Amino acid sequence: MPRLMLTDARREKLFHLMKSTGRVYDKPEHRQTFEGILYRLRTGIPWRDLPKEFGHWSTVFRRFHLWSKKGVLAHLFKALANLADTEWVFIDGSIVRAHQHSAGAATLSNESIGKSRGGNSTKIHLAVDSGGLPIYFELSEGQKHDITHAPSLIEHLKQVDTVIADKGYDSDAFRELIANKGGKSVIPRRRYKNTPQERADWCLYRYRHLVENAFGRIKHYRAISTRYDKLARNYASMVSLAFMLIWLPMYC
């Protein structure tokens, strides 16, 4: 039997959240199906190569695709992230290489795949809380600048006290947005600007590594560190599952 990723307590917690959506019924086969999805998240193997212990690969994929389409997997992450402590919020972006098999989706959208120095890539824009736990994320093409998604990250936060980011987020408009929401920013100015460096809490800025740590943790999963999914929605669901696994120890 392949190695499983969930204890009984954590599995019960997740299925309670899934049933609360009204879109998932308590079927015994769902447990192995869910473990099959997590196995693919961890190993990054093609769906067709899933071990038979999880059931037929097409059954596992169809269930994943359906749960992704209905927003069930994204709901798991959002529900667990309700405990976030947003006194400090750290934001950043990280580029993920898109495998050649992820291209060619039969849609009119670019599916958050763009061209950067390394070729096809996707960028994950992330906000984490005071403890380095993920709160909210978005996907974009790999060449998109971090600041383009920064306002959206802040708008999706329930509360804004202090936002910490690197020089890539040096924007007076972004600082004003944070101030209008009642928060303060710790963002250094880029050197080529003639404006002087502002006084800020540089001791707090040293903890910006918390958002980098979150990226490091989810990139242990091979289906995250390299994007194989053609649809941005399905890749976002995989990212949601990875962030969900970070939150689970906070509950059980």
C-alpha atoms as a PDB file:
ATOM      1  CA  MET A   1       0.000   0.000   0.000  1.00  0.00           C
ATOM      2  CA  PRO A   2       1.444   3.450  -0.889  1.00  0.00           C
ATOM      3  CA  ARG A   3       2.202   5.830   1.964  1.00  0.00           C
ATOM      4  CA  LEU A   4      -0.828   7.861   3.051  1.00  0.00           C
ATOM      5  CA  MET A   5      -0.745  11.490   4.173  1.00  0.00           C
ATOM      6  CA  LEU A   6      -3.693  11.914   6.543  1.00  0.00           C
ATOM      7  CA  THR A   7      -4.391  10.617  10.024  1.00  0.00           C
ATOM      8  CA  ASP A   8      -7.934   9.548  10.889  1.00  0.00           C
ATOM      9  CA  ALA A   9      -8.539  12.751  12.856  1.00  0.00           C
ATOM     10  CA  ARG A  10      -7.379  14.994  10.032  1.00  0.00           C
ATOM     11  CA  ARG A  11      -9.354  13.028   7.476  1.00  0.00           C
ATOM     12  CA  GLU A  12     -12.521  13.446   9.545  1.00  0.00           C
ATOM     13  CA  LYS A  13     -11.886  17.168   9.885  1.00  0.00           C
ATOM     14  CA  LEU A  14     -11.500  17.606   6.141  1.00  0.00           C
ATOM     15  CA  PHE A  15     -14.554  15.554   5.206  1.00  0.00           C
ATOM     16  CA  HIS A  16     -16.648  17.474   7.716  1.00  0.00           C
ATOM     17  CA  LEU A  17     -15.638  20.692   5.898  1.00  0.00           C
ATOM     18  CA  MET A  18     -16.253  19.132   2.494  1.00  0.00           C
ATOM     19  CA  LYS A  19     -19.754  17.957   3.455  1.00  0.00           C
ATOM     20  CA  SER A  20     -20.560  21.425   4.794  1.00  0.00           C
ATOM     21  CA  THR A  21     -20.403  22.738   1.220  1.00  0.00           C
ATOM     22  CA  GLY A  22     -23.421  20.617   0.288  1.00  0.00           C
ATOM     23  CA  ARG A  23     -21.550  19.390  -2.791  1.00  0.00           C
ATOM     24  CA  VAL A  24     -19.917  16.247  -1.357  1.00  0.00           C
ATOM     25  CA  TYR A  25     -21.640  13.186   0.100  1.00  0.00           C
ATOM     26  CA  ASP A  26     -20.097  10.831   2.631  1.00  0.00           C
ATOM     27  CA  LYS A  27     -19.124   7.892   0.472  1.00  0.00           C
ATOM     28  CA  PRO A  28     -16.528   5.351   1.718  1.00  0.00           C
ATOM     29  CA  GLU A  29     -14.609   5.458  -1.587  1.00  0.00           C
ATOM     30  CA  HIS A  30     -14.017   9.196  -1.209  1.00  0.00           C
ATOM     31  CA  ARG A  31     -11.368   8.529   1.432  1.00  0.00           C
ATOM     32  CA  GLN A  32      -9.086   6.590  -0.903  1.00  0.00           C
ATOM     33  CA  THR A  33      -9.882   8.973  -3.748  1.00  0.00           C
ATOM     34  CA  PHE A  34      -8.772  11.924  -1.637  1.00  0.00           C
ATOM     35  CA  GLU A  35      -5.581  10.113  -0.639  1.00  0.00           C
ATOM     36  CA  GLY A  36      -4.954   9.432  -4.339  1.00  0.00           C
ATOM     37  CA  ILE A  37      -5.215  13.155  -5.071  1.00  0.00           C
ATOM     38  CA  LEU A  38      -2.750  13.916  -2.271  1.00  0.00           C
ATOM     39  CA  TYR A  39      -0.421  11.189  -3.565  1.00  0.00           C
ATOM     40  CA  ARG A  40      -0.367  12.858  -6.964  1.00  0.00           C
ATOM     41  CA  LEU A  41       0.224  16.229  -5.238  1.00  0.00           C
ATOM     42  CA  ARG A  42       3.241  14.823  -3.416  1.00  0.00           C
ATOM     43  CA  THR A  43       4.807  12.852  -6.267  1.00  0.00           C
ATOM     44  CA  GLY A  44       3.761  14.823  -9.364  1.00  0.00           C
ATOM     45  CA  ILE A  45       3.259  11.628 -11.377  1.00  0.00           C
ATOM     46  CA  PRO A  46       0.853  11.486 -14.348  1.00  0.00           C
ATOM     47  CA  TRP A  47      -2.695  10.629 -13.310  1.00  0.00           C
ATOM     48  CA  ARG A  48      -2.508   7.431 -15.357  1.00  0.00           C
ATOM     49  CA  ASP A  49       0.360   6.194 -13.166  1.00  0.00           C
ATOM     50  CA  LEU A  50      -1.540   6.368  -9.864  1.00  0.00           C
ATOM     51  CA  PRO A  51      -1.222   3.134  -7.863  1.00  0.00           C
ATOM     52  CA  LYS A  52      -4.292   0.933  -8.240  1.00  0.00           C
ATOM     53  CA  GLU A  53      -4.801   0.940  -4.451  1.00  0.00           C
ATOM     54  CA  PHE A  54      -6.427   4.380  -4.825  1.00  0.00           C
ATOM     55  CA  GLY A  55      -8.877   3.103  -7.418  1.00  0.00           C
ATOM     56  CA  HIS A  56      -8.902   3.541 -11.171  1.00  0.00           C
ATOM     57  CA  TRP A  57      -6.890   6.595 -12.159  1.00  0.00           C
ATOM     58  CA  SER A  58      -9.707   8.056 -14.260  1.00  0.00           C
ATOM     59  CA  THR A  59     -12.065   7.900 -11.276  1.00  0.00           C
ATOM     60  CA  VAL A  60      -9.597   9.783  -9.085  1.00  0.00           C
ATOM     61  CA  PHE A  61      -8.946  12.402 -11.770  1.00  0.00           C
ATOM     62  CA  ARG A  62     -12.637  12.943 -12.550  1.00  0.00           C
ATOM     63  CA  ARG A  63     -13.384  13.395  -8.848  1.00  0.00           C
ATOM     64  CA  PHE A  64     -10.512  15.874  -8.502  1.00  0.00           C
ATOM     65  CA  HIS A  65     -11.652  17.782 -11.594  1.00  0.00           C
ATOM     66  CA  LEU A  66     -15.231  17.920 -10.290  1.00  0.00           C
ATOM     67  CA  TRP A  67     -14.227  19.060  -6.784  1.00  0.00           C
ATOM     68  CA  SER A  68     -11.936  21.650  -8.343  1.00  0.00           C
ATOM     69  CA  LYS A  69     -14.711  22.933 -10.614  1.00  0.00           C
ATOM     70  CA  LYS A  70     -17.167  23.177  -7.699  1.00  0.00           C
ATOM     71  CA  GLY A  71     -14.619  24.988  -5.506  1.00  0.00           C
ATOM     72  CA  VAL A  72     -14.606  22.266  -2.838  1.00  0.00           C
ATOM     73  CA  LEU A  73     -10.815  22.040  -2.582  1.00  0.00           C
ATOM     74  CA  ALA A  74     -10.407  25.827  -2.436  1.00  0.00           C
ATOM     75  CA  HIS A  75     -13.042  25.859   0.329  1.00  0.00           C
ATOM     76  CA  LEU A  76     -10.896  23.566   2.483  1.00  0.00           C
ATOM     77  CA  PHE A  77      -8.024  26.054   2.468  1.00  0.00           C
ATOM     78  CA  LYS A  78     -10.253  29.079   3.035  1.00  0.00           C
ATOM     79  CA  ALA A  79     -12.107  27.437   5.925  1.00  0.00           C
ATOM     80  CA  LEU A  80      -8.904  26.404   7.720  1.00  0.00           C
ATOM     81  CA  ALA A  81      -7.352  29.848   7.160  1.00  0.00           C
ATOM     82  CA  ASN A  82     -10.103  31.524   9.206  1.00  0.00           C
ATOM     83  CA  LEU A  83      -7.801  31.260  12.242  1.00  0.00           C
ATOM     84  CA  ALA A  84      -5.219  33.541  10.604  1.00  0.00           C
ATOM     85  CA  ASP A  85      -3.614  36.229  12.754  1.00  0.00           C
ATOM     86  CA  THR A  86      -3.421  39.248  10.436  1.00  0.00           C
ATOM     87  CA  GLU A  87      -1.644  41.644  12.781  1.00  0.00           C
ATOM     88  CA  TRP A  88       1.364  41.268  10.466  1.00  0.00           C
ATOM     89  CA  VAL A  89       0.889  40.287   6.833  1.00  0.00           C
ATOM     90  CA  PHE A  90       3.833  39.313   4.631  1.00  0.00           C
ATOM     91  CA  ILE A  91       3.367  39.223   0.845  1.00  0.00           C
ATOM     92  CA  ASP A  92       5.546  38.031  -2.017  1.00  0.00           C
ATOM     93  CA  GLY A  93       5.483  36.163  -5.318  1.00  0.00           C
ATOM     94  CA  SER A  94       7.252  33.033  -6.510  1.00  0.00           C
ATOM     95  CA  ILE A  95       7.721  31.683 -10.033  1.00  0.00           C
ATOM     96  CA  VAL A  96       6.973  28.039 -10.850  1.00  0.00           C
ATOM     97  CA  ARG A  97       8.181  26.369 -14.027  1.00  0.00           C
ATOM     98  CA  ALA A  98       5.356  25.113 -16.222  1.00  0.00           C
ATOM     99  CA  HIS A  99       5.993  21.718 -17.771  1.00  0.00           C
ATOM    100  CA  GLN A 100       5.505  21.419 -21.527  1.00  0.00           C
ATOM    101  CA  HIS A 101       2.492  19.162 -20.912  1.00  0.00           C
ATOM    102  CA  SER A 102       0.715  22.008 -19.103  1.00  0.00           C
ATOM    103  CA  ALA A 103       0.436  24.023 -22.322  1.00  0.00           C
ATOM    104  CA  GLY A 104      -2.228  23.654 -24.966  1.00  0.00           C
ATOM    105  CA  ALA A 105      -5.430  23.839 -22.923  1.00  0.00           C
ATOM    106  CA  ALA A 106      -8.503  24.065 -25.170  1.00  0.00           C
ATOM    107  CA  THR A 107      -9.604  27.420 -23.736  1.00  0.00           C
ATOM    108  CA  LEU A 108      -9.432  31.042 -24.831  1.00  0.00           C
ATOM    109  CA  SER A 109      -7.527  31.999 -21.662  1.00  0.00           C
ATOM    110  CA  ASN A 110      -3.756  31.721 -21.196  1.00  0.00           C
ATOM    111  CA  GLU A 111      -4.501  29.721 -18.002  1.00  0.00           C
ATOM    112  CA  SER A 112      -1.935  31.775 -16.039  1.00  0.00           C
ATOM    113  CA  ILE A 113       0.970  30.501 -18.136  1.00  0.00           C
ATOM    114  CA  GLY A 114       3.363  33.096 -19.521  1.00  0.00           C
ATOM    115  CA  LYS A 115       6.877  33.499 -20.833  1.00  0.00           C
ATOM    116  CA  SER A 116       9.770  34.400 -18.527  1.00  0.00           C
ATOM    117  CA  ARG A 117      13.519  33.821 -18.657  1.00  0.00           C
ATOM    118  CA  GLY A 118      13.127  30.143 -17.895  1.00  0.00           C
ATOM    119  CA  GLY A 119      10.409  29.579 -20.481  1.00  0.00           C
ATOM    120  CA  ASN A 120       6.770  28.840 -19.688  1.00  0.00           C
ATOM    121  CA  SER A 121       6.004  29.675 -16.080  1.00  0.00           C
ATOM    122  CA  THR A 122       3.328  30.575 -13.563  1.00  0.00           C
ATOM    123  CA  LYS A 123       3.648  32.934 -10.606  1.00  0.00           C
ATOM    124  CA  ILE A 124       2.029  32.402  -7.205  1.00  0.00           C
ATOM    125  CA  HIS A 125       1.203  35.635  -5.344  1.00  0.00           C
ATOM    126  CA  LEU A 126       0.843  34.910  -1.634  1.00  0.00           C
ATOM    127  CA  ALA A 127      -0.058  36.596   1.644  1.00  0.00           C
ATOM    128  CA  VAL A 128       0.823  34.922   4.954  1.00  0.00           C
ATOM    129  CA  ASP A 129      -0.084  35.875   8.515  1.00  0.00           C
ATOM    130  CA  SER A 130       2.011  36.663  11.584  1.00  0.00           C
ATOM    131  CA  GLY A 131       2.956  33.008  12.027  1.00  0.00           C
ATOM    132  CA  GLY A 132       3.842  32.426   8.384  1.00  0.00           C
ATOM    133  CA  LEU A 133       0.593  30.569   7.661  1.00  0.00           C
ATOM    134  CA  PRO A 134      -0.981  31.199   4.238  1.00  0.00           C
ATOM    135  CA  ILE A 135      -4.067  33.422   4.063  1.00  0.00           C
ATOM    136  CA  TYR A 136      -4.761  34.062   0.398  1.00  0.00           C
ATOM    137  CA  PHE A 137      -3.089  33.508  -2.967  1.00  0.00           C
ATOM    138  CA  GLU A 138      -3.577  34.241  -6.657  1.00  0.00           C
ATOM    139  CA  LEU A 139      -2.009  32.934  -9.859  1.00  0.00           C
ATOM    140  CA  SER A 140      -0.685  34.900 -12.811  1.00  0.00           C
ATOM    141  CA  GLU A 141       1.601  34.502 -15.782  1.00  0.00           C
ATOM    142  CA  GLY A 142       5.241  34.125 -14.780  1.00  0.00           C
ATOM    143  CA  GLN A 143       6.342  37.461 -16.263  1.00  0.00           C
ATOM    144  CA  LYS A 144       3.782  39.521 -14.308  1.00  0.00           C
ATOM    145  CA  HIS A 145       5.329  41.938 -11.790  1.00  0.00           C
ATOM    146  CA  ASP A 146       4.542  41.347  -8.130  1.00  0.00           C
ATOM    147  CA  ILE A 147       2.980  44.786  -7.641  1.00  0.00           C
ATOM    148  CA  THR A 148       0.213  44.069 -10.178  1.00  0.00           C
ATOM    149  CA  HIS A 149      -1.481  41.618  -7.786  1.00  0.00           C
ATOM    150  CA  ALA A 150      -0.558  43.351  -4.536  1.00  0.00           C
ATOM    151  CA  PRO A 151      -3.770  45.449  -4.276  1.00  0.00           C
ATOM    152  CA  SER A 152      -5.904  42.328  -4.799  1.00  0.00           C
ATOM    153  CA  LEU A 153      -4.036  40.469  -2.052  1.00  0.00           C
ATOM    154  CA  ILE A 154      -4.777  43.300   0.387  1.00  0.00           C
ATOM    155  CA  GLU A 155      -8.411  43.698  -0.691  1.00  0.00           C
ATOM    156  CA  HIS A 156      -9.107  40.054   0.174  1.00  0.00           C
ATOM    157  CA  LEU A 157      -7.876  40.441   3.775  1.00  0.00           C
ATOM    158  CA  LYS A 158     -10.467  40.914   6.495  1.00  0.00           C
ATOM    159  CA  GLN A 159      -8.135  43.147   8.484  1.00  0.00           C
ATOM    160  CA  VAL A 160      -4.988  45.090   7.639  1.00  0.00           C
ATOM    161  CA  ASP A 161      -2.639  46.207  10.438  1.00  0.00           C
ATOM    162  CA  THR A 162       0.913  45.995   9.083  1.00  0.00           C
ATOM    163  CA  VAL A 163       1.949  44.839   5.601  1.00  0.00           C
ATOM    164  CA  ILE A 164       5.568  43.819   5.076  1.00  0.00           C
ATOM    165  CA  ALA A 165       7.024  43.357   1.582  1.00  0.00           C
ATOM    166  CA  ASP A 166      10.290  43.732  -0.327  1.00  0.00           C
ATOM    167  CA  LYS A 167      11.361  46.456  -2.777  1.00  0.00           C
ATOM    168  CA  GLY A 168       9.354  44.872  -5.567  1.00  0.00           C
ATOM    169  CA  TYR A 169       6.271  46.375  -3.933  1.00  0.00           C
ATOM    170  CA  ASP A 170       7.701  49.899  -3.767  1.00  0.00           C
ATOM    171  CA  SER A 171       4.691  51.919  -4.915  1.00  0.00           C
ATOM    172  CA  ASP A 172       3.207  55.073  -3.445  1.00  0.00           C
ATOM    173  CA  ALA A 173      -0.235  54.034  -4.684  1.00  0.00           C
ATOM    174  CA  PHE A 174       0.094  50.688  -2.883  1.00  0.00           C
ATOM    175  CA  ARG A 175       1.210  52.397   0.333  1.00  0.00           C
ATOM    176  CA  GLU A 176      -1.800  54.701   0.078  1.00  0.00           C
ATOM    177  CA  LEU A 177      -4.118  51.725  -0.390  1.00  0.00           C
ATOM    178  CA  ILE A 178      -2.790  50.138   2.805  1.00  0.00           C
ATOM    179  CA  ALA A 179      -3.166  53.430   4.695  1.00  0.00           C
ATOM    180  CA  ASN A 180      -6.754  53.833   3.468  1.00  0.00           C
ATOM    181  CA  LYS A 181      -7.569  50.413   4.931  1.00  0.00           C
ATOM    182  CA  GLY A 182      -6.199  51.538   8.295  1.00  0.00           C
ATOM    183  CA  GLY A 183      -2.854  49.773   8.133  1.00  0.00           C
ATOM    184  CA  LYS A 184       0.790  50.696   7.841  1.00  0.00           C
ATOM    185  CA  SER A 185       3.429  49.428   5.438  1.00  0.00           C
ATOM    186  CA  VAL A 186       7.007  48.271   5.895  1.00  0.00           C
ATOM    187  CA  ILE A 187       8.336  48.428   2.330  1.00  0.00           C
ATOM    188  CA  PRO A 188      11.847  49.723   1.530  1.00  0.00           C
ATOM    189  CA  ARG A 189      12.266  52.125  -1.372  1.00  0.00           C
ATOM    190  CA  ARG A 190      14.344  51.196  -4.387  1.00  0.00           C
ATOM    191  CA  ARG A 191      17.735  52.875  -4.638  1.00  0.00           C
ATOM    192  CA  TYR A 192      17.285  54.498  -7.995  1.00  0.00           C
ATOM    193  CA  LYS A 193      14.561  56.733  -6.631  1.00  0.00           C
ATOM    194  CA  ASN A 194      15.580  60.163  -5.382  1.00  0.00           C
ATOM    195  CA  THR A 195      13.262  59.927  -2.402  1.00  0.00           C
ATOM    196  CA  PRO A 196      15.002  59.205   0.929  1.00  0.00           C
ATOM    197  CA  GLN A 197      14.550  55.899   2.699  1.00  0.00           C
ATOM    198  CA  GLU A 198      11.663  56.051   5.158  1.00  0.00           C
ATOM    199  CA  ARG A 199      11.934  55.222   8.809  1.00  0.00           C
ATOM    200  CA  ALA A 200      10.389  51.807   9.347  1.00  0.00           C
ATOM    201  CA  ASP A 201      10.378  48.832  11.666  1.00  0.00           C
ATOM    202  CA  TRP A 202      13.380  47.059  10.164  1.00  0.00           C
ATOM    203  CA  CYS A 203      13.379  44.494  12.964  1.00  0.00           C
ATOM    204  CA  LEU A 204       9.943  43.425  11.756  1.00  0.00           C
ATOM    205  CA  TYR A 205      11.159  43.442   8.146  1.00  0.00           C
ATOM    206  CA  ARG A 206      13.680  40.739   9.059  1.00  0.00           C
ATOM    207  CA  TYR A 207      10.754  38.328   9.520  1.00  0.00           C
ATOM    208  CA  ARG A 208       9.821  38.614   5.852  1.00  0.00           C
ATOM    209  CA  HIS A 209      11.411  35.202   5.423  1.00  0.00           C
ATOM    210  CA  LEU A 210       8.130  33.723   6.728  1.00  0.00           C
ATOM    211  CA  VAL A 211       6.498  34.099   3.325  1.00  0.00           C
ATOM    212  CA  GLU A 212       9.585  32.581   1.660  1.00  0.00           C
ATOM    213  CA  ASN A 213       9.322  29.656   4.091  1.00  0.00           C
ATOM    214  CA  ALA A 214       5.717  29.066   3.007  1.00  0.00           C
ATOM    215  CA  PHE A 215       6.805  28.857  -0.628  1.00  0.00           C
ATOM    216  CA  GLY A 216       9.597  26.489   0.351  1.00  0.00           C
ATOM    217  CA  ARG A 217       7.187  24.185   2.158  1.00  0.00           C
ATOM    218  CA  ILE A 218       4.692  23.795  -0.678  1.00  0.00           C
ATOM    219  CA  LYS A 219       7.449  23.313  -3.250  1.00  0.00           C
ATOM    220  CA  HIS A 220       8.343  20.067  -1.489  1.00  0.00           C
ATOM    221  CA  TYR A 221       5.321  18.745  -3.358  1.00  0.00           C
ATOM    222  CA  ARG A 222       6.360  17.968  -6.912  1.00  0.00           C
ATOM    223  CA  ALA A 223       2.985  18.812  -8.427  1.00  0.00           C
ATOM    224  CA  ILE A 224       3.520  22.341  -7.073  1.00  0.00           C
ATOM    225  CA  SER A 225       7.224  22.900  -7.762  1.00  0.00           C
ATOM    226  CA  THR A 226       6.545  22.046 -11.418  1.00  0.00           C
ATOM    227  CA  ARG A 227       3.180  22.830 -12.928  1.00  0.00           C
ATOM    228  CA  TYR A 228       1.715  19.916 -14.887  1.00  0.00           C
ATOM    229  CA  ASP A 229      -1.968  20.966 -14.873  1.00  0.00           C
ATOM    230  CA  LYS A 230      -3.304  22.534 -18.049  1.00  0.00           C
ATOM    231  CA  LEU A 231      -6.074  24.475 -16.322  1.00  0.00           C
ATOM    232  CA  ALA A 232      -5.230  27.290 -13.927  1.00  0.00           C
ATOM    233  CA  ARG A 233      -8.230  26.260 -11.838  1.00  0.00           C
ATOM    234  CA  ASN A 234      -6.857  22.749 -11.326  1.00  0.00           C
ATOM    235  CA  TYR A 235      -3.371  23.996 -10.490  1.00  0.00           C
ATOM    236  CA  ALA A 236      -4.881  26.491  -8.022  1.00  0.00           C
ATOM    237  CA  SER A 237      -6.732  23.582  -6.408  1.00  0.00           C
ATOM    238  CA  MET A 238      -3.448  21.717  -5.991  1.00  0.00           C
ATOM    239  CA  VAL A 239      -1.890  24.812  -4.420  1.00  0.00           C
ATOM    240  CA  SER A 240      -4.917  25.085  -2.103  1.00  0.00           C
ATOM    241  CA  LEU A 241      -4.380  21.485  -0.996  1.00  0.00           C
ATOM    242  CA  ALA A 242      -0.714  22.179  -0.275  1.00  0.00           C
ATOM    243  CA  PHE A 243      -1.620  25.213   1.856  1.00  0.00           C
ATOM    244  CA  MET A 244      -4.355  23.172   3.531  1.00  0.00           C
ATOM    245  CA  LEU A 245      -1.730  20.643   4.653  1.00  0.00           C
ATOM    246  CA  ILE A 246       0.202  23.496   6.302  1.00  0.00           C
ATOM    247  CA  TRP A 247      -2.905  24.498   8.285  1.00  0.00           C
ATOM    248  CA  LEU A 248      -4.065  21.029   9.358  1.00  0.00           C
ATOM    249  CA  PRO A 249      -1.616  20.642  12.316  1.00  0.00           C
ATOM    250  CA  MET A 250      -3.169  23.779  13.835  1.00  0.00           C
ATOM    251  CA  TYR A 251      -6.440  21.844  14.251  1.00  0.00           C
ATOM    252  CA  CYS A 252      -5.567  18.220  14.939  1.00  0.00           C
END
